[in-house]
């Protein structure tokens, strides 16, 4: 009985190992906005691997975040080679039929999904940057206000000390030193 169980397990393991050899790991790469994945590329285009495409898209999105004040509009436009995702007037990525086949979708549908994911990621990052900007400006304003109040307080105390010292000098007939 033990031998039969061991033989069965060995055959299952062997079958699984042979089957997984035929399925080589497909290359894929994540498109990210501020370190958060918005979608994954499974296909290359021409000589570009998924990793190279993702790197180019990540750089374009980072530049948009740096240079675009406020809200930017994401759109999808048809081109000769597929569906082009745009942010403002900047092309971000071309969604091809090969991309769509990898996820069993149409190119237009996939482009719409990716555009929505990019839009959501940009909105989230912009919102986070706006919160950080607000708090840093608030803290700078608070520091300036506290510094101003401290300066006024010290000037007032210095004025009181000087008035007291001058009063003592005048009362002493001008012959004593200021203390």
C-alpha atoms as a PDB file:
ATOM      1  CA  UNK A   1       0.000   0.000   0.000  1.00  0.00           C
ATOM      2  CA  UNK A   2       2.834   2.340   0.916  1.00  0.00           C
ATOM      3  CA  UNK A   3       4.659   1.601  -2.305  1.00  0.00           C
ATOM      4  CA  UNK A   4       1.526   2.342  -4.335  1.00  0.00           C
ATOM      5  CA  UNK A   5       1.062   5.706  -2.598  1.00  0.00           C
ATOM      6  CA  UNK A   6       4.731   6.555  -3.064  1.00  0.00           C
ATOM      7  CA  UNK A   7       4.615   5.567  -6.753  1.00  0.00           C
ATOM      8  CA  UNK A   8       1.460   7.651  -7.279  1.00  0.00           C
ATOM      9  CA  UNK A   9       3.030  10.699  -5.635  1.00  0.00           C
ATOM     10  CA  UNK A  10       6.191  10.249  -7.685  1.00  0.00           C
ATOM     11  CA  UNK A  11       4.188  10.077 -10.922  1.00  0.00           C
ATOM     12  CA  UNK A  12       2.170  13.179  -9.973  1.00  0.00           C
ATOM     13  CA  UNK A  13       5.353  15.073  -9.188  1.00  0.00           C
ATOM     14  CA  UNK A  14       6.982  13.963 -12.442  1.00  0.00           C
ATOM     15  CA  UNK A  15       3.873  14.886 -14.471  1.00  0.00           C
ATOM     16  CA  UNK A  16       3.717  18.329 -12.826  1.00  0.00           C
ATOM     17  CA  UNK A  17       7.458  18.921 -13.415  1.00  0.00           C
ATOM     18  CA  UNK A  18       7.255  17.979 -17.114  1.00  0.00           C
ATOM     19  CA  UNK A  19       4.128  20.125 -17.600  1.00  0.00           C
ATOM     20  CA  UNK A  20       5.717  23.167 -15.968  1.00  0.00           C
ATOM     21  CA  UNK A  21       8.814  22.822 -18.195  1.00  0.00           C
ATOM     22  CA  UNK A  22       6.628  23.503 -21.214  1.00  0.00           C
ATOM     23  CA  UNK A  23       5.313  26.682 -19.641  1.00  0.00           C
ATOM     24  CA  UNK A  24       8.237  29.045 -19.511  1.00  0.00           C
ATOM     25  CA  UNK A  25       7.704  32.070 -17.331  1.00  0.00           C
ATOM     26  CA  UNK A  26       6.416  34.904 -19.464  1.00  0.00           C
ATOM     27  CA  UNK A  27       8.191  38.191 -18.956  1.00  0.00           C
ATOM     28  CA  UNK A  28       6.090  40.909 -17.428  1.00  0.00           C
ATOM     29  CA  UNK A  29       6.669  44.316 -15.896  1.00  0.00           C
ATOM     30  CA  UNK A  30       4.669  46.702 -13.747  1.00  0.00           C
ATOM     31  CA  UNK A  31       3.718  50.231 -14.685  1.00  0.00           C
ATOM     32  CA  UNK A  32       3.873  52.279 -11.499  1.00  0.00           C
ATOM     33  CA  UNK A  33       3.008  55.737 -10.273  1.00  0.00           C
ATOM     34  CA  UNK A  34       4.952  56.749  -7.169  1.00  0.00           C
ATOM     35  CA  UNK A  35       5.804  53.122  -6.443  1.00  0.00           C
ATOM     36  CA  UNK A  36       2.237  51.789  -6.744  1.00  0.00           C
ATOM     37  CA  UNK A  37       1.440  49.376  -9.566  1.00  0.00           C
ATOM     38  CA  UNK A  38      -1.356  50.591 -11.843  1.00  0.00           C
ATOM     39  CA  UNK A  39      -1.193  47.755 -14.393  1.00  0.00           C
ATOM     40  CA  UNK A  40       1.143  45.041 -15.665  1.00  0.00           C
ATOM     41  CA  UNK A  41       2.594  44.694 -19.171  1.00  0.00           C
ATOM     42  CA  UNK A  42       2.833  41.148 -20.508  1.00  0.00           C
ATOM     43  CA  UNK A  43       3.895  41.822 -24.085  1.00  0.00           C
ATOM     44  CA  UNK A  44       6.714  43.634 -25.775  1.00  0.00           C
ATOM     45  CA  UNK A  45       6.414  45.805 -28.870  1.00  0.00           C
ATOM     46  CA  UNK A  46       8.984  45.412 -31.623  1.00  0.00           C
ATOM     47  CA  UNK A  47      12.375  45.072 -29.965  1.00  0.00           C
ATOM     48  CA  UNK A  48      11.115  46.496 -26.652  1.00  0.00           C
ATOM     49  CA  UNK A  49      10.567  43.995 -23.848  1.00  0.00           C
ATOM     50  CA  UNK A  50       7.737  44.476 -21.344  1.00  0.00           C
ATOM     51  CA  UNK A  51      10.322  45.743 -18.832  1.00  0.00           C
ATOM     52  CA  UNK A  52      11.656  48.349 -21.276  1.00  0.00           C
ATOM     53  CA  UNK A  53       8.132  49.488 -22.136  1.00  0.00           C
ATOM     54  CA  UNK A  54       7.208  49.754 -18.469  1.00  0.00           C
ATOM     55  CA  UNK A  55      10.366  51.725 -17.714  1.00  0.00           C
ATOM     56  CA  UNK A  56       9.574  54.207 -20.499  1.00  0.00           C
ATOM     57  CA  UNK A  57       5.963  54.589 -19.319  1.00  0.00           C
ATOM     58  CA  UNK A  58       7.080  55.012 -15.695  1.00  0.00           C
ATOM     59  CA  UNK A  59       9.475  57.791 -16.746  1.00  0.00           C
ATOM     60  CA  UNK A  60       6.777  59.585 -18.761  1.00  0.00           C
ATOM     61  CA  UNK A  61       4.329  59.418 -15.857  1.00  0.00           C
ATOM     62  CA  UNK A  62       6.960  60.658 -13.380  1.00  0.00           C
ATOM     63  CA  UNK A  63       7.731  63.620 -15.658  1.00  0.00           C
ATOM     64  CA  UNK A  64       4.027  64.439 -15.903  1.00  0.00           C
ATOM     65  CA  UNK A  65       3.709  64.409 -12.115  1.00  0.00           C
ATOM     66  CA  UNK A  66       6.700  66.756 -11.794  1.00  0.00           C
ATOM     67  CA  UNK A  67       5.711  69.197 -14.514  1.00  0.00           C
ATOM     68  CA  UNK A  68       1.919  69.285 -14.494  1.00  0.00           C
ATOM     69  CA  UNK A  69       0.337  71.640 -12.023  1.00  0.00           C
ATOM     70  CA  UNK A  70      -3.151  70.539 -11.082  1.00  0.00           C
ATOM     71  CA  UNK A  71      -5.383  68.126 -12.910  1.00  0.00           C
ATOM     72  CA  UNK A  72      -4.485  66.412 -16.169  1.00  0.00           C
ATOM     73  CA  UNK A  73      -6.909  64.633 -18.489  1.00  0.00           C
ATOM     74  CA  UNK A  74      -6.326  61.040 -19.572  1.00  0.00           C
ATOM     75  CA  UNK A  75      -7.720  59.985 -22.946  1.00  0.00           C
ATOM     76  CA  UNK A  76      -7.643  57.081 -25.420  1.00  0.00           C
ATOM     77  CA  UNK A  77      -7.169  57.650 -29.155  1.00  0.00           C
ATOM     78  CA  UNK A  78      -7.109  55.172 -32.005  1.00  0.00           C
ATOM     79  CA  UNK A  79      -3.971  55.051 -34.136  1.00  0.00           C
ATOM     80  CA  UNK A  80      -2.767  52.869 -36.995  1.00  0.00           C
ATOM     81  CA  UNK A  81      -0.876  50.547 -34.630  1.00  0.00           C
ATOM     82  CA  UNK A  82      -3.448  50.301 -31.828  1.00  0.00           C
ATOM     83  CA  UNK A  83      -4.955  52.469 -29.112  1.00  0.00           C
ATOM     84  CA  UNK A  84      -2.869  55.308 -27.726  1.00  0.00           C
ATOM     85  CA  UNK A  85      -3.261  56.416 -24.115  1.00  0.00           C
ATOM     86  CA  UNK A  86      -2.617  60.125 -23.691  1.00  0.00           C
ATOM     87  CA  UNK A  87      -2.225  62.266 -20.576  1.00  0.00           C
ATOM     88  CA  UNK A  88      -2.950  65.806 -21.613  1.00  0.00           C
ATOM     89  CA  UNK A  89      -1.226  66.089 -24.987  1.00  0.00           C
ATOM     90  CA  UNK A  90       1.526  63.604 -24.093  1.00  0.00           C
ATOM     91  CA  UNK A  91       1.438  60.034 -25.456  1.00  0.00           C
ATOM     92  CA  UNK A  92       2.005  57.514 -22.665  1.00  0.00           C
ATOM     93  CA  UNK A  93       1.648  54.023 -24.134  1.00  0.00           C
ATOM     94  CA  UNK A  94       0.350  52.285 -27.226  1.00  0.00           C
ATOM     95  CA  UNK A  95      -1.983  49.374 -26.452  1.00  0.00           C
ATOM     96  CA  UNK A  96      -1.622  46.732 -29.181  1.00  0.00           C
ATOM     97  CA  UNK A  97      -3.600  43.650 -30.137  1.00  0.00           C
ATOM     98  CA  UNK A  98      -0.783  41.578 -28.634  1.00  0.00           C
ATOM     99  CA  UNK A  99      -1.311  43.320 -25.275  1.00  0.00           C
ATOM    100  CA  UNK A 100      -5.027  42.582 -25.521  1.00  0.00           C
ATOM    101  CA  UNK A 101      -4.507  38.922 -26.484  1.00  0.00           C
ATOM    102  CA  UNK A 102      -2.290  38.410 -23.408  1.00  0.00           C
ATOM    103  CA  UNK A 103      -5.200  39.313 -21.122  1.00  0.00           C
ATOM    104  CA  UNK A 104      -7.975  37.997 -23.410  1.00  0.00           C
ATOM    105  CA  UNK A 105      -9.528  41.385 -24.130  1.00  0.00           C
ATOM    106  CA  UNK A 106      -9.919  43.812 -27.012  1.00  0.00           C
ATOM    107  CA  UNK A 107      -7.275  46.495 -27.500  1.00  0.00           C
ATOM    108  CA  UNK A 108      -9.841  49.285 -27.062  1.00  0.00           C
ATOM    109  CA  UNK A 109     -11.214  47.766 -23.873  1.00  0.00           C
ATOM    110  CA  UNK A 110      -7.729  47.240 -22.451  1.00  0.00           C
ATOM    111  CA  UNK A 111      -6.695  50.789 -23.376  1.00  0.00           C
ATOM    112  CA  UNK A 112      -9.770  52.123 -21.582  1.00  0.00           C
ATOM    113  CA  UNK A 113      -8.927  50.050 -18.479  1.00  0.00           C
ATOM    114  CA  UNK A 114      -5.289  51.157 -18.465  1.00  0.00           C
ATOM    115  CA  UNK A 115      -6.258  54.801 -19.032  1.00  0.00           C
ATOM    116  CA  UNK A 116      -8.642  54.626 -16.061  1.00  0.00           C
ATOM    117  CA  UNK A 117      -5.904  53.030 -13.936  1.00  0.00           C
ATOM    118  CA  UNK A 118      -3.410  55.740 -14.958  1.00  0.00           C
ATOM    119  CA  UNK A 119      -5.978  58.442 -14.237  1.00  0.00           C
ATOM    120  CA  UNK A 120      -6.716  57.015 -10.788  1.00  0.00           C
ATOM    121  CA  UNK A 121      -2.998  56.700 -10.005  1.00  0.00           C
ATOM    122  CA  UNK A 122      -2.284  60.272 -11.099  1.00  0.00           C
ATOM    123  CA  UNK A 123      -5.232  61.600  -9.086  1.00  0.00           C
ATOM    124  CA  UNK A 124      -4.078  59.725  -5.990  1.00  0.00           C
ATOM    125  CA  UNK A 125      -0.488  60.959  -6.356  1.00  0.00           C
ATOM    126  CA  UNK A 126      -1.570  64.537  -7.039  1.00  0.00           C
ATOM    127  CA  UNK A 127      -3.834  64.460  -4.006  1.00  0.00           C
ATOM    128  CA  UNK A 128      -1.026  63.106  -1.810  1.00  0.00           C
ATOM    129  CA  UNK A 129       1.389  65.758  -3.136  1.00  0.00           C
ATOM    130  CA  UNK A 130      -1.190  68.489  -2.456  1.00  0.00           C
ATOM    131  CA  UNK A 131      -1.582  67.287   1.153  1.00  0.00           C
ATOM    132  CA  UNK A 132       2.202  67.262   1.642  1.00  0.00           C
ATOM    133  CA  UNK A 133       2.471  70.736   0.101  1.00  0.00           C
ATOM    134  CA  UNK A 134      -0.304  72.047   2.348  1.00  0.00           C
ATOM    135  CA  UNK A 135       1.307  70.714   5.513  1.00  0.00           C
ATOM    136  CA  UNK A 136       4.792  71.915   4.608  1.00  0.00           C
ATOM    137  CA  UNK A 137       3.446  75.404   3.844  1.00  0.00           C
ATOM    138  CA  UNK A 138       1.435  75.354   7.057  1.00  0.00           C
ATOM    139  CA  UNK A 139       4.502  74.439   9.113  1.00  0.00           C
ATOM    140  CA  UNK A 140       6.613  77.135   7.439  1.00  0.00           C
ATOM    141  CA  UNK A 141       3.917  79.733   8.115  1.00  0.00           C
ATOM    142  CA  UNK A 142       3.661  78.587  11.727  1.00  0.00           C
ATOM    143  CA  UNK A 143       7.445  78.836  12.177  1.00  0.00           C
ATOM    144  CA  UNK A 144       7.499  82.358  10.699  1.00  0.00           C
ATOM    145  CA  UNK A 145       4.580  83.450  12.916  1.00  0.00           C
ATOM    146  CA  UNK A 146       6.219  82.033  16.058  1.00  0.00           C
ATOM    147  CA  UNK A 147       9.524  83.670  15.129  1.00  0.00           C
ATOM    148  CA  UNK A 148       7.760  86.995  14.625  1.00  0.00           C
ATOM    149  CA  UNK A 149       5.973  86.780  17.973  1.00  0.00           C
ATOM    150  CA  UNK A 150       9.212  85.799  19.717  1.00  0.00           C
ATOM    151  CA  UNK A 151      11.008  88.739  18.082  1.00  0.00           C
ATOM    152  CA  UNK A 152       8.275  91.171  19.177  1.00  0.00           C
ATOM    153  CA  UNK A 153       8.343  89.747  22.705  1.00  0.00           C
ATOM    154  CA  UNK A 154      12.129  90.094  22.943  1.00  0.00           C
ATOM    155  CA  UNK A 155      12.019  93.651  21.572  1.00  0.00           C
ATOM    156  CA  UNK A 156       9.376  94.566  24.137  1.00  0.00           C
ATOM    157  CA  UNK A 157      11.413  93.027  26.988  1.00  0.00           C
ATOM    158  CA  UNK A 158      14.538  94.820  25.743  1.00  0.00           C
ATOM    159  CA  UNK A 159      12.642  98.103  25.635  1.00  0.00           C
ATOM    160  CA  UNK A 160      11.453  97.592  29.232  1.00  0.00           C
ATOM    161  CA  UNK A 161      14.986  96.810  30.405  1.00  0.00           C
ATOM    162  CA  UNK A 162      16.395  99.853  28.627  1.00  0.00           C
ATOM    163  CA  UNK A 163      13.670 102.125  30.083  1.00  0.00           C
ATOM    164  CA  UNK A 164      14.355 100.773  33.560  1.00  0.00           C
ATOM    165  CA  UNK A 165      18.110 101.241  33.164  1.00  0.00           C
ATOM    166  CA  UNK A 166      17.719 104.804  31.856  1.00  0.00           C
ATOM    167  CA  UNK A 167      15.373 105.656  34.701  1.00  0.00           C
ATOM    168  CA  UNK A 168      17.964 104.493  37.205  1.00  0.00           C
ATOM    169  CA  UNK A 169      20.654 106.488  35.429  1.00  0.00           C
ATOM    170  CA  UNK A 170      18.590 109.664  35.423  1.00  0.00           C
ATOM    171  CA  UNK A 171      17.535 109.190  39.051  1.00  0.00           C
ATOM    172  CA  UNK A 172      21.159 108.769  40.117  1.00  0.00           C
ATOM    173  CA  UNK A 173      22.007 112.061  38.468  1.00  0.00           C
ATOM    174  CA  UNK A 174      23.741 110.587  35.485  1.00  0.00           C
ATOM    175  CA  UNK A 175      26.799 109.580  37.507  1.00  0.00           C
ATOM    176  CA  UNK A 176      26.203 105.825  37.816  1.00  0.00           C
ATOM    177  CA  UNK A 177      26.855 103.278  35.178  1.00  0.00           C
ATOM    178  CA  UNK A 178      24.021 101.500  33.440  1.00  0.00           C
ATOM    179  CA  UNK A 179      23.332  98.202  35.134  1.00  0.00           C
END
